[in-house]
Structure formats: C-alpha cells, structure tokens
N, C-alpha and C. Protein backbone atom coordinates (compact mmCIF):
# COMPACT_ATOMS: atom_id res chain seq x y z
N MET A 1 -27.34 -55.77 11.81
CA MET A 1 -27.92 -54.76 12.72
C MET A 1 -27.44 -55.08 14.19
N ARG A 2 -26.91 -54.11 14.74
CA ARG A 2 -26.30 -54.25 16.10
C ARG A 2 -27.37 -53.75 17.20
N MET A 3 -27.61 -54.54 18.14
CA MET A 3 -28.59 -54.17 19.14
C MET A 3 -27.70 -53.62 20.40
N GLU A 4 -28.04 -52.40 20.77
CA GLU A 4 -27.34 -51.87 21.91
C GLU A 4 -28.22 -52.04 23.12
N THR A 5 -27.54 -52.30 24.29
CA THR A 5 -28.29 -52.43 25.48
C THR A 5 -28.67 -51.07 26.06
N LYS A 6 -29.79 -51.09 26.65
CA LYS A 6 -30.28 -49.85 27.22
C LYS A 6 -29.47 -49.41 28.40
N GLN A 7 -29.10 -48.14 28.45
CA GLN A 7 -28.36 -47.73 29.65
C GLN A 7 -29.37 -47.53 30.83
N SER A 8 -28.84 -47.64 32.07
CA SER A 8 -29.66 -47.44 33.25
C SER A 8 -29.93 -45.93 33.30
N LEU A 9 -30.88 -45.63 34.13
CA LEU A 9 -31.22 -44.28 34.46
C LEU A 9 -30.14 -43.43 35.00
N TYR A 10 -29.43 -44.11 35.97
CA TYR A 10 -28.31 -43.45 36.56
C TYR A 10 -27.23 -43.04 35.50
N ASP A 11 -26.92 -44.08 34.64
CA ASP A 11 -25.91 -43.80 33.56
C ASP A 11 -26.33 -42.64 32.65
N ARG A 12 -27.55 -42.69 32.27
CA ARG A 12 -28.04 -41.59 31.42
C ARG A 12 -28.03 -40.26 32.11
N LEU A 13 -28.43 -40.22 33.37
CA LEU A 13 -28.38 -38.95 34.10
C LEU A 13 -26.98 -38.36 34.30
N ALA A 14 -26.12 -39.39 34.63
CA ALA A 14 -24.66 -38.93 34.84
C ALA A 14 -24.13 -38.48 33.53
N LYS A 15 -24.37 -39.08 32.43
CA LYS A 15 -23.92 -38.63 31.14
C LYS A 15 -24.45 -37.27 30.76
N GLU A 16 -25.74 -37.08 31.00
CA GLU A 16 -26.27 -35.77 30.72
C GLU A 16 -25.75 -34.56 31.57
N LYS A 17 -25.53 -34.97 32.86
CA LYS A 17 -24.94 -33.94 33.79
C LYS A 17 -23.55 -33.61 33.31
N GLU A 18 -22.78 -34.54 32.92
CA GLU A 18 -21.41 -34.22 32.39
C GLU A 18 -21.48 -33.44 31.15
N ARG A 19 -22.48 -33.72 30.22
CA ARG A 19 -22.54 -32.91 28.97
C ARG A 19 -22.99 -31.46 29.33
N LEU A 20 -23.96 -31.31 30.24
CA LEU A 20 -24.38 -29.98 30.58
C LEU A 20 -23.36 -29.21 31.40
N GLY A 21 -22.50 -29.95 32.09
CA GLY A 21 -21.56 -29.29 33.02
C GLY A 21 -20.66 -28.27 32.36
N GLY A 22 -20.34 -28.36 31.15
CA GLY A 22 -19.62 -27.37 30.42
C GLY A 22 -20.35 -26.19 29.95
N LYS A 23 -21.65 -26.45 29.77
CA LYS A 23 -22.51 -25.41 29.21
C LYS A 23 -23.32 -24.63 30.26
N ALA A 24 -23.54 -25.22 31.41
CA ALA A 24 -24.44 -24.63 32.37
C ALA A 24 -23.61 -23.59 33.20
N LEU A 25 -23.82 -22.33 32.79
CA LEU A 25 -23.11 -21.15 33.50
C LEU A 25 -23.72 -20.93 34.83
N ARG A 26 -22.88 -20.42 35.67
CA ARG A 26 -23.36 -20.03 37.08
C ARG A 26 -24.34 -18.86 36.95
N PHE A 27 -24.01 -17.95 36.13
CA PHE A 27 -24.87 -16.72 35.97
C PHE A 27 -25.26 -16.61 34.54
N PRO A 28 -26.33 -17.35 34.10
CA PRO A 28 -26.79 -17.33 32.75
C PRO A 28 -27.40 -16.03 32.37
N LYS A 29 -27.17 -15.61 31.05
CA LYS A 29 -27.65 -14.37 30.52
C LYS A 29 -28.74 -14.55 29.44
N THR A 30 -28.61 -15.66 28.69
CA THR A 30 -29.65 -15.89 27.65
C THR A 30 -30.66 -16.91 28.03
N LYS A 31 -31.68 -17.03 27.31
CA LYS A 31 -32.75 -18.03 27.63
C LYS A 31 -32.22 -19.39 27.54
N GLN A 32 -31.41 -19.71 26.55
CA GLN A 32 -30.89 -21.10 26.39
C GLN A 32 -29.85 -21.40 27.52
N GLU A 33 -29.09 -20.41 27.92
CA GLU A 33 -28.21 -20.71 29.10
C GLU A 33 -28.98 -20.88 30.37
N LEU A 34 -30.05 -20.23 30.53
CA LEU A 34 -30.87 -20.38 31.67
C LEU A 34 -31.54 -21.79 31.73
N LEU A 35 -32.04 -22.26 30.58
CA LEU A 35 -32.61 -23.53 30.48
C LEU A 35 -31.54 -24.61 30.74
N ASP A 36 -30.37 -24.45 30.25
CA ASP A 36 -29.26 -25.52 30.48
C ASP A 36 -28.89 -25.46 31.97
N ARG A 37 -28.94 -24.33 32.62
CA ARG A 37 -28.51 -24.24 34.05
C ARG A 37 -29.65 -24.99 34.81
N LYS A 38 -30.90 -24.68 34.59
CA LYS A 38 -32.00 -25.32 35.32
C LYS A 38 -32.08 -26.85 35.16
N ARG A 39 -31.78 -27.22 33.90
CA ARG A 39 -31.68 -28.62 33.67
C ARG A 39 -30.55 -29.30 34.47
N TRP A 40 -29.39 -28.63 34.44
CA TRP A 40 -28.28 -29.21 35.12
C TRP A 40 -28.55 -29.31 36.60
N GLU A 41 -29.17 -28.24 37.18
CA GLU A 41 -29.53 -28.30 38.65
C GLU A 41 -30.47 -29.36 38.97
N ARG A 42 -31.52 -29.60 38.11
CA ARG A 42 -32.41 -30.65 38.34
C ARG A 42 -31.81 -32.01 38.31
N ILE A 43 -30.87 -32.27 37.29
CA ILE A 43 -30.28 -33.54 37.22
C ILE A 43 -29.30 -33.70 38.44
N HIS A 44 -28.72 -32.68 38.85
CA HIS A 44 -27.80 -32.68 39.95
C HIS A 44 -28.52 -33.14 41.25
N ILE A 45 -29.70 -32.54 41.48
CA ILE A 45 -30.53 -32.81 42.63
C ILE A 45 -31.00 -34.28 42.60
N ILE A 46 -31.44 -34.73 41.41
CA ILE A 46 -31.94 -36.14 41.33
C ILE A 46 -30.82 -37.10 41.64
N LEU A 47 -29.66 -36.86 41.07
CA LEU A 47 -28.49 -37.73 41.31
C LEU A 47 -28.04 -37.70 42.75
N THR A 48 -28.04 -36.57 43.35
CA THR A 48 -27.70 -36.38 44.76
C THR A 48 -28.61 -37.07 45.69
N ARG A 49 -29.83 -36.86 45.49
CA ARG A 49 -30.86 -37.38 46.43
C ARG A 49 -31.15 -38.87 46.25
N ARG A 50 -31.24 -39.24 45.05
CA ARG A 50 -31.59 -40.69 44.74
C ARG A 50 -30.38 -41.61 44.81
N TYR A 51 -29.24 -41.12 44.24
CA TYR A 51 -28.11 -42.05 44.07
C TYR A 51 -26.90 -41.64 44.93
N GLU A 52 -27.02 -40.61 45.71
CA GLU A 52 -25.97 -40.06 46.55
C GLU A 52 -24.73 -39.71 45.66
N TYR A 53 -24.91 -39.18 44.47
CA TYR A 53 -23.89 -38.83 43.63
C TYR A 53 -22.95 -37.85 44.15
N GLY A 54 -21.70 -38.04 44.18
CA GLY A 54 -20.75 -37.10 44.69
C GLY A 54 -20.57 -37.12 46.18
N ILE A 55 -21.37 -37.86 46.91
CA ILE A 55 -21.28 -37.80 48.38
C ILE A 55 -20.04 -38.54 48.85
N ASP A 56 -19.62 -39.58 48.19
CA ASP A 56 -18.46 -40.35 48.61
C ASP A 56 -17.22 -39.46 48.76
N SER A 57 -16.92 -38.66 47.77
CA SER A 57 -15.79 -37.81 47.83
C SER A 57 -15.86 -36.78 48.98
N TYR A 58 -17.09 -36.29 49.22
CA TYR A 58 -17.24 -35.34 50.33
C TYR A 58 -16.97 -36.06 51.64
N LEU A 59 -17.54 -37.24 51.77
CA LEU A 59 -17.31 -37.95 53.04
C LEU A 59 -15.84 -38.33 53.22
N ASP A 60 -15.19 -38.63 52.11
CA ASP A 60 -13.77 -38.96 52.20
C ASP A 60 -12.92 -37.73 52.66
N ASP A 61 -13.37 -36.56 52.15
CA ASP A 61 -12.70 -35.35 52.62
C ASP A 61 -12.92 -35.11 54.21
N MET A 62 -14.18 -35.39 54.61
CA MET A 62 -14.40 -35.22 56.06
C MET A 62 -13.56 -36.20 56.90
N ARG A 63 -13.48 -37.41 56.38
CA ARG A 63 -12.78 -38.42 57.14
C ARG A 63 -11.33 -38.02 57.16
N ARG A 64 -10.74 -37.59 56.07
CA ARG A 64 -9.33 -37.12 56.03
C ARG A 64 -9.07 -35.98 56.94
N GLN A 65 -9.97 -35.00 56.96
CA GLN A 65 -9.86 -33.92 57.91
C GLN A 65 -9.89 -34.35 59.38
N ASP A 66 -10.80 -35.33 59.68
CA ASP A 66 -10.86 -35.89 61.04
C ASP A 66 -9.56 -36.54 61.38
N HIS A 67 -8.95 -37.21 60.39
CA HIS A 67 -7.66 -37.85 60.58
C HIS A 67 -6.61 -36.88 60.95
N PHE A 68 -6.57 -35.81 60.12
CA PHE A 68 -5.62 -34.78 60.37
C PHE A 68 -5.75 -34.13 61.71
N ASP A 69 -7.00 -33.88 62.09
CA ASP A 69 -7.28 -33.27 63.48
C ASP A 69 -6.83 -34.24 64.57
N GLU A 70 -6.96 -35.59 64.37
CA GLU A 70 -6.55 -36.48 65.38
C GLU A 70 -5.02 -36.50 65.47
N ILE A 71 -4.38 -36.42 64.42
CA ILE A 71 -2.90 -36.39 64.38
C ILE A 71 -2.37 -35.07 65.10
N ALA A 72 -3.02 -34.02 64.84
CA ALA A 72 -2.63 -32.76 65.45
C ALA A 72 -2.87 -32.77 66.89
N THR A 73 -3.93 -33.30 67.40
CA THR A 73 -4.14 -33.45 68.78
C THR A 73 -3.18 -34.31 69.53
N ILE A 74 -2.75 -35.47 68.81
CA ILE A 74 -1.82 -36.34 69.40
C ILE A 74 -0.45 -35.70 69.53
N LYS A 75 -0.04 -34.90 68.47
CA LYS A 75 1.23 -34.21 68.44
C LYS A 75 1.28 -33.10 69.56
N ASN A 76 0.08 -32.53 69.82
CA ASN A 76 -0.01 -31.42 70.83
C ASN A 76 0.13 -32.08 72.24
N ILE A 77 -0.32 -33.29 72.42
CA ILE A 77 -0.36 -33.92 73.80
C ILE A 77 1.09 -34.25 74.20
N ARG A 78 1.90 -34.67 73.22
CA ARG A 78 3.25 -35.10 73.54
C ARG A 78 4.18 -34.02 73.85
C-alpha cells in the first residue's frame, strides 16, 4: 500500500482552478455552467488575495512597459 503525501491547499486550489478553467464559461447558460463559473471565480479570488497568484506576470509586464517607456524617452532626448 502506497502512502501519498497530502497536497498543500495552494496546490489543490491551483489544480482545481486549472481543471475548471476549461469548463467555466464567461457567459454560462445552464445551471451546471453557472456553478462551475462561480466556483472558478471563488477559487481565483482566494488564490489572488491569499497567494498573489498570477500577480508576478502582471508585475513583469508593467516593469517591461516601464523599461520600454524609458528607452523611448532616451531615444527622443538624443
């Protein structure tokens, strides 16, 4: 008998969010689609607020844009 280690809450939430990501429609029509969407939104909020899930890529995009703006201003000065 093989004992599996228990996943952390973060891992379980991220796994569930990925699973629901393909099913959670933006505009649900049936009851099940609505339940999937609400569950996905709730998990997304928990991951974002508690674990800052997905924030790093957004911050990287902002830093990259700041870098591009800085390059543009330097080229305009010369």
